[in-house]
Amino acid sequence: MFDTENGTHADILPPAVKNEKHEGPYPSSFACAVTINRPADELYAIWRDFTNLPRFMENIEAVTILSDRRSHWVVRAPTGTAEWDSEITEDEPGRRISWASLPDASVDNAGTVEFKTGPEGRGTEVRALISFKPPMGGAGRMVAGWMQKDPHIQAKRDLRRFKQLIETGEIAASPANQDQPAS
């Protein structure tokens, strides 16, 4: 369900996120969250090793670790492949990781993933806050929408895929991901 007043997808956001204004360093910013039945430290460790991300994030082709804080990303975009280097800007083990693309990135972006104890102490709430500058501006956003690659919707799907992978060891097949291996 899209909450037009706040510009969020209220059906997946916990109460603390639903009414926030999402501002970031770039024109497009959004937040999404999911609760996963695992401890925060375990989820953080999986996320902190960026080479794990292509296992559940459909558009990420590869992440190469360059150093403890820097990595190189290759991503499928509506207009082809995009690549950039990124740097970790904040790292609180078990709690939060933040990053930002380096200057001259093909897609300027920044974000934070937080890991908090879930409602009533059940599992961990994984919350992603993403900000980016769409390639080609508004036209790029329109192309992404036409190709069903809206970044906010894709982030929701990716978090759900992360939950499936962590809780069941596999990602359920659907028309969107049938020809992609779960791991």
Protein backbone atom coordinates (compact mmCIF):
# COMPACT_ATOMS: atom_id res chain seq x y z
CA MET A 1 0.00 0.00 0.00
CA PHE A 2 1.53 3.33 -0.99
CA ASP A 3 1.16 6.08 1.59
CA THR A 4 0.77 9.15 -0.63
CA GLU A 5 0.97 11.59 2.28
CA ASN A 6 4.43 10.42 3.31
CA GLY A 7 5.64 8.95 0.01
CA THR A 8 6.37 5.52 1.49
CA HIS A 9 5.21 1.96 1.03
CA ALA A 10 3.42 1.68 4.37
CA ASP A 11 2.81 -2.06 4.09
CA ILE A 12 6.45 -2.97 4.74
CA LEU A 13 7.68 -0.14 6.92
CA PRO A 14 7.62 -0.35 10.71
CA PRO A 15 5.87 2.53 12.52
CA ALA A 16 9.16 4.32 13.22
CA VAL A 17 9.91 4.51 9.48
CA LYS A 18 6.43 5.15 8.07
CA ASN A 19 6.21 8.79 9.11
CA GLU A 20 9.80 9.84 8.51
CA LYS A 21 10.81 12.21 5.78
CA HIS A 22 13.64 10.55 3.89
CA GLU A 23 16.28 13.04 2.94
CA GLY A 24 19.67 12.16 1.55
CA PRO A 25 22.46 13.83 -0.37
CA TYR A 26 20.86 13.02 -3.75
CA PRO A 27 17.47 13.83 -5.36
CA SER A 28 15.89 10.39 -4.85
CA SER A 29 15.74 9.00 -1.32
CA PHE A 30 13.65 6.26 0.26
CA ALA A 31 13.55 3.77 3.11
CA CYS A 32 12.31 0.21 3.41
CA ALA A 33 12.53 -2.43 6.12
CA VAL A 34 11.93 -6.08 6.90
CA THR A 35 12.07 -8.14 10.09
CA ILE A 36 14.24 -11.27 9.89
CA ASN A 37 14.28 -14.08 12.43
CA ARG A 38 18.04 -13.95 13.10
CA PRO A 39 20.31 -11.98 15.46
CA ALA A 40 21.57 -8.57 14.36
CA ASP A 41 25.24 -9.60 14.54
CA GLU A 42 24.68 -12.46 12.09
CA LEU A 43 22.78 -10.29 9.60
CA TYR A 44 25.30 -7.47 9.86
CA ALA A 45 28.19 -9.89 9.17
CA ILE A 46 26.51 -11.18 6.01
CA TRP A 47 25.74 -7.65 4.77
CA ARG A 48 29.19 -6.28 5.73
CA ASP A 49 30.81 -8.73 3.28
CA PHE A 50 29.55 -6.94 0.17
CA THR A 51 30.47 -9.93 -2.00
CA ASN A 52 27.35 -11.61 -0.51
CA LEU A 53 24.98 -8.97 -1.90
CA PRO A 54 24.66 -10.39 -5.46
CA ARG A 55 23.18 -13.55 -3.88
CA PHE A 56 19.95 -11.71 -3.06
CA MET A 57 20.08 -8.35 -4.86
CA GLU A 58 18.84 -8.94 -8.39
CA ASN A 59 20.55 -6.02 -10.11
CA ILE A 60 24.00 -6.41 -8.56
CA GLU A 61 26.25 -8.42 -10.86
CA ALA A 62 29.40 -8.26 -8.73
CA VAL A 63 31.10 -6.49 -5.86
CA THR A 64 34.88 -6.59 -5.60
CA ILE A 65 36.50 -5.68 -2.29
CA LEU A 66 39.34 -3.17 -2.89
CA SER A 67 40.26 -2.55 0.77
CA ASP A 68 38.69 -2.71 4.22
CA ARG A 69 36.53 0.34 3.41
CA ARG A 70 36.39 0.46 -0.40
CA SER A 71 34.68 -1.71 -2.99
CA HIS A 72 33.92 -1.75 -6.72
CA TRP A 73 30.31 -2.36 -7.81
CA VAL A 74 28.94 -3.63 -11.14
CA VAL A 75 25.16 -3.23 -11.43
CA ARG A 76 22.57 -3.88 -14.15
CA ALA A 77 20.77 -0.61 -14.86
CA PRO A 78 17.84 0.20 -17.18
CA THR A 79 20.30 1.72 -19.66
CA GLY A 80 22.99 -1.01 -19.42
CA THR A 81 25.70 -1.76 -16.89
CA ALA A 82 26.77 0.83 -14.32
CA GLU A 83 30.01 0.67 -12.31
CA TRP A 84 31.40 2.69 -9.44
CA ASP A 85 33.66 2.59 -6.44
CA SER A 86 32.15 3.03 -3.00
CA GLU A 87 33.54 3.77 0.44
CA ILE A 88 32.19 2.80 3.85
CA THR A 89 31.53 6.03 5.74
CA GLU A 90 30.23 4.56 9.00
CA ASP A 91 30.64 1.07 10.42
CA GLU A 92 29.14 0.03 13.76
CA PRO A 93 29.45 -3.78 13.93
CA GLY A 94 26.10 -5.44 14.55
CA ARG A 95 24.22 -2.12 14.30
CA ARG A 96 24.81 -0.08 11.16
CA ILE A 97 26.81 0.28 7.98
CA SER A 98 26.81 3.37 5.74
CA TRP A 99 28.47 4.00 2.39
CA ALA A 100 28.80 6.58 -0.37
CA SER A 101 29.94 6.33 -3.95
CA LEU A 102 33.23 8.03 -4.74
CA PRO A 103 33.44 11.05 -7.07
CA ASP A 104 32.89 10.34 -10.77
CA ALA A 105 30.60 7.35 -10.10
CA SER A 106 28.29 6.44 -12.97
CA VAL A 107 25.47 6.47 -10.38
CA ASP A 108 26.00 8.77 -7.40
CA ASN A 109 24.59 7.00 -4.34
CA ALA A 110 24.75 6.74 -0.58
CA GLY A 111 22.95 4.68 1.99
CA THR A 112 22.71 3.11 5.40
CA VAL A 113 21.55 -0.31 6.53
CA GLU A 114 20.57 -0.54 10.20
CA PHE A 115 20.06 -3.69 12.28
CA LYS A 116 17.81 -3.29 15.35
CA THR A 117 16.06 -5.72 17.65
CA GLY A 118 12.65 -6.49 16.15
CA PRO A 119 9.24 -5.77 17.66
CA GLU A 120 8.79 -7.45 21.05
CA GLY A 121 12.38 -8.75 20.82
CA ARG A 122 11.59 -11.02 17.89
CA GLY A 123 14.29 -11.18 15.26
CA THR A 124 16.02 -8.16 13.79
CA GLU A 125 14.56 -5.24 11.88
CA VAL A 126 16.77 -4.58 8.85
CA ARG A 127 16.18 -1.06 7.60
CA ALA A 128 17.70 0.36 4.41
CA LEU A 129 17.88 4.10 3.72
CA ILE A 130 19.01 4.77 0.15
CA SER A 131 19.75 8.01 -1.69
CA PHE A 132 20.87 8.31 -5.30
CA LYS A 133 21.05 10.58 -8.30
CA PRO A 134 19.22 8.84 -11.16
CA PRO A 135 21.19 8.65 -14.39
CA MET A 136 19.53 10.98 -16.90
CA GLY A 137 17.51 12.61 -14.07
CA GLY A 138 13.73 12.44 -14.41
CA ALA A 139 13.98 10.66 -17.75
CA GLY A 140 16.04 7.94 -16.08
CA ARG A 141 13.39 7.53 -13.38
CA MET A 142 10.71 7.16 -16.07
CA VAL A 143 12.72 4.53 -17.97
CA ALA A 144 13.28 2.59 -14.74
CA GLY A 145 9.54 2.70 -14.04
CA TRP A 146 8.64 1.46 -17.51
CA MET A 147 11.11 -1.40 -17.16
CA GLN A 148 9.75 -2.25 -13.69
CA LYS A 149 13.15 -1.43 -12.18
CA ASP A 150 12.07 1.37 -9.84
CA PRO A 151 14.84 1.44 -7.20
CA HIS A 152 12.43 1.68 -4.26
CA ILE A 153 10.42 -1.34 -5.42
CA GLN A 154 13.63 -3.21 -6.22
CA ALA A 155 15.00 -2.49 -2.73
CA LYS A 156 11.81 -3.90 -1.17
CA ARG A 157 12.16 -7.04 -3.29
CA ASP A 158 15.84 -7.37 -2.41
CA LEU A 159 15.13 -7.13 1.33
CA ARG A 160 12.44 -9.78 0.99
CA ARG A 161 14.91 -11.98 -0.93
CA PHE A 162 17.47 -11.44 1.86
CA LYS A 163 14.87 -12.55 4.42
CA GLN A 164 14.02 -15.66 2.39
CA LEU A 165 17.67 -16.59 1.90
CA ILE A 166 18.57 -16.15 5.56
CA GLU A 167 15.49 -17.81 7.05
CA THR A 168 15.08 -20.70 4.59
CA GLY A 169 18.41 -21.03 2.80
CA GLU A 170 16.85 -20.35 -0.59
CA ILE A 171 14.95 -17.72 -2.54
CA ALA A 172 11.49 -18.66 -3.77
CA ALA A 173 11.25 -18.76 -7.56
CA SER A 174 8.96 -16.28 -9.27
CA PRO A 175 8.71 -15.11 -12.89
CA ALA A 176 11.10 -12.26 -12.05
CA ASN A 177 13.84 -14.52 -10.71
CA GLN A 178 13.30 -18.03 -12.11
CA ASP A 179 16.45 -18.10 -14.19
CA GLN A 180 18.70 -16.80 -11.40
CA PRO A 181 20.32 -19.20 -8.94
CA ALA A 182 19.51 -18.64 -5.27
CA SER A 183 23.15 -18.76 -4.25
